[in-house]
Amino acid sequence: MNREVSKSVFKARALQLLREVEATGQRLVITDRGKPAIEVRPYEPTEHDALKDLRGSVLSFDRPLDPVGEEDWERADRIDPP
């Protein structure tokens, strides 16, 4: 469960509240006129592996040595320059 405090309470006790979030790992929601405005949570490092993210994203790669855009060059020959 998230703990909620108003902006004015947070302003007066910011350092204490930040230390509590760090120590307990519990998220803190700062409210503005009773509505949630900001969430403070402990930092969670994430390791980003680009190869892992891309794995499985290419469905097939047929004829990898063929020229790219060969059809486009044929069309470009038919267009007269300005």
PDB file of N, CA and C in Angstrom:
ATOM      1  N   MET A   1       0.843  -1.185   0.000  1.00  0.00           N
ATOM      2  CA  MET A   1       0.000   0.000   0.000  1.00  0.00           C
ATOM      3  C   MET A   1       0.878   1.234   0.000  1.00  0.00           C
ATOM      4  N   ASN A   2       0.519   2.208  -0.810  1.00  0.00           N
ATOM      5  CA  ASN A   2       1.263   3.468  -0.888  1.00  0.00           C
ATOM      6  C   ASN A   2       0.842   4.400   0.232  1.00  0.00           C
ATOM      7  N   ARG A   3       1.797   5.132   0.740  1.00  0.00           N
ATOM      8  CA  ARG A   3       1.519   6.145   1.747  1.00  0.00           C
ATOM      9  C   ARG A   3       1.271   7.463   1.034  1.00  0.00           C
ATOM     10  N   GLU A   4       0.327   8.263   1.520  1.00  0.00           N
ATOM     11  CA  GLU A   4       0.016   9.552   0.906  1.00  0.00           C
ATOM     12  C   GLU A   4       0.253  10.683   1.886  1.00  0.00           C
ATOM     13  N   VAL A   5       0.843  11.770   1.376  1.00  0.00           N
ATOM     14  CA  VAL A   5       1.010  12.996   2.157  1.00  0.00           C
ATOM     15  C   VAL A   5       0.730  14.180   1.248  1.00  0.00           C
ATOM     16  N   SER A   6       0.307  15.274   1.826  1.00  0.00           N
ATOM     17  CA  SER A   6       0.048  16.482   1.043  1.00  0.00           C
ATOM     18  C   SER A   6       1.366  17.171   0.707  1.00  0.00           C
ATOM     19  N   LYS A   7       1.304  18.074  -0.256  1.00  0.00           N
ATOM     20  CA  LYS A   7       2.504  18.824  -0.642  1.00  0.00           C
ATOM     21  C   LYS A   7       3.060  19.626   0.526  1.00  0.00           C
ATOM     22  N   SER A   8       2.177  20.193   1.329  1.00  0.00           N
ATOM     23  CA  SER A   8       2.650  21.010   2.448  1.00  0.00           C
ATOM     24  C   SER A   8       3.362  20.155   3.496  1.00  0.00           C
ATOM     25  N   VAL A   9       2.854  18.958   3.764  1.00  0.00           N
ATOM     26  CA  VAL A   9       3.528  18.051   4.705  1.00  0.00           C
ATOM     27  C   VAL A   9       4.855  17.601   4.124  1.00  0.00           C
ATOM     28  N   PHE A  10       4.859  17.289   2.839  1.00  0.00           N
ATOM     29  CA  PHE A  10       6.112  16.869   2.208  1.00  0.00           C
ATOM     30  C   PHE A  10       7.155  17.970   2.267  1.00  0.00           C
ATOM     31  N   LYS A  11       6.734  19.196   2.020  1.00  0.00           N
ATOM     32  CA  LYS A  11       7.666  20.321   2.055  1.00  0.00           C
ATOM     33  C   LYS A  11       8.310  20.456   3.430  1.00  0.00           C
ATOM     34  N   ALA A  12       7.527  20.277   4.473  1.00  0.00           N
ATOM     35  CA  ALA A  12       8.045  20.447   5.832  1.00  0.00           C
ATOM     36  C   ALA A  12       8.923  19.276   6.270  1.00  0.00           C
ATOM     37  N   ARG A  13       8.653  18.065   5.742  1.00  0.00           N
ATOM     38  CA  ARG A  13       9.365  16.879   6.227  1.00  0.00           C
ATOM     39  C   ARG A  13      10.020  16.098   5.098  1.00  0.00           C
ATOM     40  N   ALA A  14      10.436  16.748   4.045  1.00  0.00           N
ATOM     41  CA  ALA A  14      10.941  16.086   2.841  1.00  0.00           C
ATOM     42  C   ALA A  14      12.082  15.117   3.124  1.00  0.00           C
ATOM     43  N   LEU A  15      13.091  15.555   3.827  1.00  0.00           N
ATOM     44  CA  LEU A  15      14.257  14.700   4.073  1.00  0.00           C
ATOM     45  C   LEU A  15      13.862  13.458   4.860  1.00  0.00           C
ATOM     46  N   GLN A  16      13.060  13.623   5.881  1.00  0.00           N
ATOM     47  CA  GLN A  16      12.606  12.494   6.690  1.00  0.00           C
ATOM     48  C   GLN A  16      11.799  11.505   5.837  1.00  0.00           C
ATOM     49  N   LEU A  17      10.888  12.022   5.020  1.00  0.00           N
ATOM     50  CA  LEU A  17      10.051  11.163   4.182  1.00  0.00           C
ATOM     51  C   LEU A  17      10.875  10.438   3.125  1.00  0.00           C
ATOM     52  N   LEU A  18      11.849  11.117   2.544  1.00  0.00           N
ATOM     53  CA  LEU A  18      12.708  10.479   1.552  1.00  0.00           C
ATOM     54  C   LEU A  18      13.535   9.361   2.179  1.00  0.00           C
ATOM     55  N   ARG A  19      14.009   9.582   3.388  1.00  0.00           N
ATOM     56  CA  ARG A  19      14.765   8.528   4.088  1.00  0.00           C
ATOM     57  C   ARG A  19      13.874   7.322   4.389  1.00  0.00           C
ATOM     58  N   GLU A  20      12.602   7.571   4.720  1.00  0.00           N
ATOM     59  CA  GLU A  20      11.664   6.475   4.973  1.00  0.00           C
ATOM     60  C   GLU A  20      11.422   5.656   3.709  1.00  0.00           C
ATOM     61  N   VAL A  21      11.272   6.324   2.587  1.00  0.00           N
ATOM     62  CA  VAL A  21      11.080   5.622   1.307  1.00  0.00           C
ATOM     63  C   VAL A  21      12.295   4.764   1.012  1.00  0.00           C
ATOM     64  N   GLU A  22      13.467   5.319   1.236  1.00  0.00           N
ATOM     65  CA  GLU A  22      14.705   4.593   0.983  1.00  0.00           C
ATOM     66  C   GLU A  22      14.845   3.385   1.906  1.00  0.00           C
ATOM     67  N   ALA A  23      14.504   3.557   3.168  1.00  0.00           N
ATOM     68  CA  ALA A  23      14.669   2.484   4.149  1.00  0.00           C
ATOM     69  C   ALA A  23      13.623   1.376   4.005  1.00  0.00           C
ATOM     70  N   THR A  24      12.376   1.756   3.762  1.00  0.00           N
ATOM     71  CA  THR A  24      11.291   0.766   3.731  1.00  0.00           C
ATOM     72  C   THR A  24      11.015   0.229   2.333  1.00  0.00           C
ATOM     73  N   GLY A  25      11.356   0.986   1.307  1.00  0.00           N
ATOM     74  CA  GLY A  25      11.042   0.583  -0.054  1.00  0.00           C
ATOM     75  C   GLY A  25       9.598   0.861  -0.427  1.00  0.00           C
ATOM     76  N   GLN A  26       8.853   1.464   0.483  1.00  0.00           N
ATOM     77  CA  GLN A  26       7.442   1.768   0.251  1.00  0.00           C
ATOM     78  C   GLN A  26       7.311   3.065  -0.545  1.00  0.00           C
ATOM     79  N   ARG A  27       6.437   3.061  -1.530  1.00  0.00           N
ATOM     80  CA  ARG A  27       6.223   4.252  -2.350  1.00  0.00           C
ATOM     81  C   ARG A  27       5.480   5.320  -1.570  1.00  0.00           C
ATOM     82  N   LEU A  28       5.733   6.563  -1.944  1.00  0.00           N
ATOM     83  CA  LEU A  28       5.092   7.703  -1.301  1.00  0.00           C
ATOM     84  C   LEU A  28       4.389   8.523  -2.375  1.00  0.00           C
ATOM     85  N   VAL A  29       3.111   8.769  -2.180  1.00  0.00           N
ATOM     86  CA  VAL A  29       2.338   9.575  -3.121  1.00  0.00           C
ATOM     87  C   VAL A  29       2.117  10.949  -2.501  1.00  0.00           C
ATOM     88  N   ILE A  30       2.507  11.976  -3.234  1.00  0.00           N
ATOM     89  CA  ILE A  30       2.336  13.346  -2.771  1.00  0.00           C
ATOM     90  C   ILE A  30       1.074  13.883  -3.451  1.00  0.00           C
ATOM     91  N   THR A  31       0.171  14.398  -2.639  1.00  0.00           N
ATOM     92  CA  THR A  31      -1.107  14.855  -3.164  1.00  0.00           C
ATOM     93  C   THR A  31      -1.171  16.375  -3.238  1.00  0.00           C
ATOM     94  N   ASP A  32      -1.997  16.840  -4.155  1.00  0.00           N
ATOM     95  CA  ASP A  32      -2.266  18.268  -4.304  1.00  0.00           C
ATOM     96  C   ASP A  32      -3.776  18.435  -4.229  1.00  0.00           C
ATOM     97  N   ARG A  33      -4.234  19.017  -3.130  1.00  0.00           N
ATOM     98  CA  ARG A  33      -5.670  19.196  -2.880  1.00  0.00           C
ATOM     99  C   ARG A  33      -6.425  17.867  -2.911  1.00  0.00           C
ATOM    100  N   GLY A  34      -5.777  16.851  -2.328  1.00  0.00           N
ATOM    101  CA  GLY A  34      -6.415  15.547  -2.199  1.00  0.00           C
ATOM    102  C   GLY A  34      -6.268  14.625  -3.395  1.00  0.00           C
ATOM    103  N   LYS A  35      -5.688  15.122  -4.473  1.00  0.00           N
ATOM    104  CA  LYS A  35      -5.510  14.298  -5.667  1.00  0.00           C
ATOM    105  C   LYS A  35      -4.038  13.929  -5.821  1.00  0.00           C
ATOM    106  N   PRO A  36      -3.737  12.666  -6.166  1.00  0.00           N
ATOM    107  CA  PRO A  36      -2.342  12.261  -6.359  1.00  0.00           C
ATOM    108  C   PRO A  36      -1.666  13.113  -7.429  1.00  0.00           C
ATOM    109  N   ALA A  37      -0.475  13.610  -7.117  1.00  0.00           N
ATOM    110  CA  ALA A  37       0.244  14.476  -8.052  1.00  0.00           C
ATOM    111  C   ALA A  37       1.613  13.903  -8.419  1.00  0.00           C
ATOM    112  N   ILE A  38       2.318  13.359  -7.432  1.00  0.00           N
ATOM    113  CA  ILE A  38       3.688  12.884  -7.627  1.00  0.00           C
ATOM    114  C   ILE A  38       3.867  11.588  -6.857  1.00  0.00           C
ATOM    115  N   GLU A  39       4.635  10.671  -7.438  1.00  0.00           N
ATOM    116  CA  GLU A  39       4.966   9.433  -6.729  1.00  0.00           C
ATOM    117  C   GLU A  39       6.473   9.391  -6.519  1.00  0.00           C
ATOM    118  N   VAL A  40       6.887   9.122  -5.298  1.00  0.00           N
ATOM    119  CA  VAL A  40       8.298   8.965  -4.962  1.00  0.00           C
ATOM    120  C   VAL A  40       8.495   7.495  -4.650  1.00  0.00           C
ATOM    121  N   ARG A  41       9.478   6.878  -5.306  1.00  0.00           N
ATOM    122  CA  ARG A  41       9.732   5.461  -5.074  1.00  0.00           C
ATOM    123  C   ARG A  41      11.228   5.214  -5.063  1.00  0.00           C
ATOM    124  N   PRO A  42      11.649   4.117  -4.468  1.00  0.00           N
ATOM    125  CA  PRO A  42      13.078   3.811  -4.445  1.00  0.00           C
ATOM    126  C   PRO A  42      13.603   3.565  -5.859  1.00  0.00           C
ATOM    127  N   TYR A  43      14.835   3.888  -6.062  1.00  0.00           N
ATOM    128  CA  TYR A  43      15.485   3.659  -7.358  1.00  0.00           C
ATOM    129  C   TYR A  43      15.699   2.171  -7.555  1.00  0.00           C
ATOM    130  N   GLU A  44      15.313   1.679  -8.733  1.00  0.00           N
ATOM    131  CA  GLU A  44      15.517   0.276  -9.069  1.00  0.00           C
ATOM    132  C   GLU A  44      16.347   0.224 -10.344  1.00  0.00           C
ATOM    133  N   PRO A  45      17.625  -0.136 -10.227  1.00  0.00           N
ATOM    134  CA  PRO A  45      18.455  -0.188 -11.429  1.00  0.00           C
ATOM    135  C   PRO A  45      17.972  -1.290 -12.366  1.00  0.00           C
ATOM    136  N   THR A  46      17.965  -0.988 -13.649  1.00  0.00           N
ATOM    137  CA  THR A  46      17.593  -1.981 -14.643  1.00  0.00           C
ATOM    138  C   THR A  46      18.745  -2.129 -15.616  1.00  0.00           C
ATOM    139  N   GLU A  47      19.077  -3.357 -15.896  1.00  0.00           N
ATOM    140  CA  GLU A  47      20.135  -3.615 -16.864  1.00  0.00           C
ATOM    141  C   GLU A  47      19.491  -3.727 -18.232  1.00  0.00           C
ATOM    142  N   HIS A  48      19.942  -2.896 -19.141  1.00  0.00           N
ATOM    143  CA  HIS A  48      19.368  -2.860 -20.480  1.00  0.00           C
ATOM    144  C   HIS A  48      20.277  -3.641 -21.422  1.00  0.00           C
ATOM    145  N   ASP A  49      19.749  -4.693 -22.007  1.00  0.00           N
ATOM    146  CA  ASP A  49      20.495  -5.510 -22.953  1.00  0.00           C
ATOM    147  C   ASP A  49      19.837  -5.370 -24.325  1.00  0.00           C
ATOM    148  N   ALA A  50      20.455  -4.608 -25.206  1.00  0.00           N
ATOM    149  CA  ALA A  50      19.868  -4.335 -26.516  1.00  0.00           C
ATOM    150  C   ALA A  50      19.653  -5.610 -27.314  1.00  0.00           C
ATOM    151  N   LEU A  51      20.598  -6.529 -27.266  1.00  0.00           N
ATOM    152  CA  LEU A  51      20.431  -7.770 -28.019  1.00  0.00           C
ATOM    153  C   LEU A  51      19.262  -8.593 -27.491  1.00  0.00           C
ATOM    154  N   LYS A  52      19.084  -8.596 -26.198  1.00  0.00           N
ATOM    155  CA  LYS A  52      17.956  -9.324 -25.614  1.00  0.00           C
ATOM    156  C   LYS A  52      16.631  -8.696 -26.047  1.00  0.00           C
ATOM    157  N   ASP A  53      16.588  -7.371 -26.107  1.00  0.00           N
ATOM    158  CA  ASP A  53      15.377  -6.676 -26.535  1.00  0.00           C
ATOM    159  C   ASP A  53      15.039  -6.983 -27.994  1.00  0.00           C
ATOM    160  N   LEU A  54      16.053  -7.134 -28.824  1.00  0.00           N
ATOM    161  CA  LEU A  54      15.836  -7.365 -30.252  1.00  0.00           C
ATOM    162  C   LEU A  54      15.611  -8.835 -30.602  1.00  0.00           C
ATOM    163  N   ARG A  55      16.022  -9.730 -29.712  1.00  0.00           N
ATOM    164  CA  ARG A  55      15.896 -11.154 -29.988  1.00  0.00           C
ATOM    165  C   ARG A  55      14.442 -11.510 -30.284  1.00  0.00           C
ATOM    166  N   GLY A  56      14.225 -12.168 -31.415  1.00  0.00           N
ATOM    167  CA  GLY A  56      12.884 -12.574 -31.812  1.00  0.00           C
ATOM    168  C   GLY A  56      12.115 -11.522 -32.588  1.00  0.00           C
ATOM    169  N   SER A  57      12.702 -10.339 -32.797  1.00  0.00           N
ATOM    170  CA  SER A  57      11.980  -9.279 -33.493  1.00  0.00           C
ATOM    171  C   SER A  57      12.080  -9.411 -35.010  1.00  0.00           C
ATOM    172  N   VAL A  58      13.104 -10.123 -35.516  1.00  0.00           N
ATOM    173  CA  VAL A  58      13.238 -10.346 -36.952  1.00  0.00           C
ATOM    174  C   VAL A  58      12.606 -11.691 -37.260  1.00  0.00           C
ATOM    175  N   LEU A  59      11.557 -11.680 -38.074  1.00  0.00           N
ATOM    176  CA  LEU A  59      10.843 -12.913 -38.366  1.00  0.00           C
ATOM    177  C   LEU A  59      11.565 -13.743 -39.414  1.00  0.00           C
ATOM    178  N   SER A  60      12.058 -13.108 -40.458  1.00  0.00           N
ATOM    179  CA  SER A  60      12.851 -13.830 -41.453  1.00  0.00           C
ATOM    180  C   SER A  60      13.734 -12.827 -42.182  1.00  0.00           C
ATOM    181  N   PHE A  61      14.843 -13.330 -42.679  1.00  0.00           N
ATOM    182  CA  PHE A  61      15.781 -12.483 -43.406  1.00  0.00           C
ATOM    183  C   PHE A  61      16.278 -13.288 -44.584  1.00  0.00           C
ATOM    184  N   ASP A  62      15.470 -13.331 -45.637  1.00  0.00           N
ATOM    185  CA  ASP A  62      15.798 -14.109 -46.825  1.00  0.00           C
ATOM    186  C   ASP A  62      16.729 -13.311 -47.732  1.00  0.00           C
ATOM    187  N   ARG A  63      17.666 -13.978 -48.339  1.00  0.00           N
ATOM    188  CA  ARG A  63      18.607 -13.397 -49.301  1.00  0.00           C
ATOM    189  C   ARG A  63      19.271 -12.129 -48.756  1.00  0.00           C
ATOM    190  N   PRO A  64      20.060 -12.234 -47.701  1.00  0.00           N
ATOM    191  CA  PRO A  64      20.658 -11.039 -47.080  1.00  0.00           C
ATOM    192  C   PRO A  64      21.683 -10.323 -47.949  1.00  0.00           C
ATOM    193  N   LEU A  65      22.190 -10.979 -48.999  1.00  0.00           N
ATOM    194  CA  LEU A  65      23.215 -10.347 -49.829  1.00  0.00           C
ATOM    195  C   LEU A  65      22.645  -9.643 -51.059  1.00  0.00           C
ATOM    196  N   ASP A  66      21.325  -9.703 -51.259  1.00  0.00           N
ATOM    197  CA  ASP A  66      20.696  -9.014 -52.382  1.00  0.00           C
ATOM    198  C   ASP A  66      20.738  -7.504 -52.143  1.00  0.00           C
ATOM    199  N   PRO A  67      20.829  -6.720 -53.239  1.00  0.00           N
ATOM    200  CA  PRO A  67      20.816  -5.258 -53.084  1.00  0.00           C
ATOM    201  C   PRO A  67      19.498  -4.784 -52.481  1.00  0.00           C
ATOM    202  N   VAL A  68      19.571  -3.743 -51.704  1.00  0.00           N
ATOM    203  CA  VAL A  68      18.380  -3.173 -51.086  1.00  0.00           C
ATOM    204  C   VAL A  68      17.837  -2.086 -51.988  1.00  0.00           C
ATOM    205  N   GLY A  69      16.546  -2.121 -52.237  1.00  0.00           N
ATOM    206  CA  GLY A  69      15.910  -1.074 -53.014  1.00  0.00           C
ATOM    207  C   GLY A  69      16.165  -1.157 -54.512  1.00  0.00           C
ATOM    208  N   GLU A  70      16.412  -2.343 -55.038  1.00  0.00           N
ATOM    209  CA  GLU A  70      16.686  -2.495 -56.461  1.00  0.00           C
ATOM    210  C   GLU A  70      15.530  -1.957 -57.307  1.00  0.00           C
ATOM    211  N   GLU A  71      14.302  -2.198 -56.889  1.00  0.00           N
ATOM    212  CA  GLU A  71      13.135  -1.708 -57.627  1.00  0.00           C
ATOM    213  C   GLU A  71      13.094  -0.185 -57.640  1.00  0.00           C
ATOM    214  N   ASP A  72      13.510   0.436 -56.564  1.00  0.00           N
ATOM    215  CA  ASP A  72      13.512   1.900 -56.486  1.00  0.00           C
ATOM    216  C   ASP A  72      14.460   2.507 -57.517  1.00  0.00           C
ATOM    217  N   TRP A  73      15.611   1.879 -57.762  1.00  0.00           N
ATOM    218  CA  TRP A  73      16.564   2.408 -58.734  1.00  0.00           C
ATOM    219  C   TRP A  73      15.997   2.329 -60.138  1.00  0.00           C
ATOM    220  N   GLU A  74      15.253   1.263 -60.439  1.00  0.00           N
ATOM    221  CA  GLU A  74      14.647   1.142 -61.761  1.00  0.00           C
ATOM    222  C   GLU A  74      13.637   2.260 -61.990  1.00  0.00           C
ATOM    223  N   ARG A  75      12.868   2.593 -60.979  1.00  0.00           N
ATOM    224  CA  ARG A  75      11.896   3.678 -61.092  1.00  0.00           C
ATOM    225  C   ARG A  75      12.599   5.025 -61.242  1.00  0.00           C
ATOM    226  N   ALA A  76      13.721   5.218 -60.570  1.00  0.00           N
ATOM    227  CA  ALA A  76      14.442   6.485 -60.624  1.00  0.00           C
ATOM    228  C   ALA A  76      15.002   6.738 -62.022  1.00  0.00           C
ATOM    229  N   ASP A  77      15.338   5.671 -62.777  1.00  0.00           N
ATOM    230  CA  ASP A  77      15.860   5.844 -64.134  1.00  0.00           C
ATOM    231  C   ASP A  77      14.793   6.406 -65.060  1.00  0.00           C
ATOM    232  N   ARG A  78      13.521   6.154 -64.786  1.00  0.00           N
ATOM    233  CA  ARG A  78      12.437   6.585 -65.654  1.00  0.00           C
ATOM    234  C   ARG A  78      12.000   8.020 -65.391  1.00  0.00           C
ATOM    235  N   ILE A  79      12.464   8.614 -64.317  1.00  0.00           N
ATOM    236  CA  ILE A  79      12.060   9.981 -63.962  1.00  0.00           C
ATOM    237  C   ILE A  79      13.066  10.964 -64.531  1.00  0.00           C
ATOM    238  N   ASP A  80      12.575  11.947 -65.259  1.00  0.00           N
ATOM    239  CA  ASP A  80      13.459  12.962 -65.839  1.00  0.00           C
ATOM    240  C   ASP A  80      13.872  13.957 -64.761  1.00  0.00           C
ATOM    241  N   PRO A  81      15.147  14.346 -64.751  1.00  0.00           N
ATOM    242  CA  PRO A  81      15.576  15.349 -63.748  1.00  0.00           C
ATOM    243  C   PRO A  81      14.933  16.691 -64.018  1.00  0.00           C
ATOM    244  N   PRO A  82      14.763  17.523 -63.001  1.00  0.00           N
ATOM    245  CA  PRO A  82      14.126  18.849 -63.164  1.00  0.00           C
ATOM    246  C   PRO A  82      14.950  19.805 -63.975  1.00  0.00           C
TER     247      PRO A  82
END
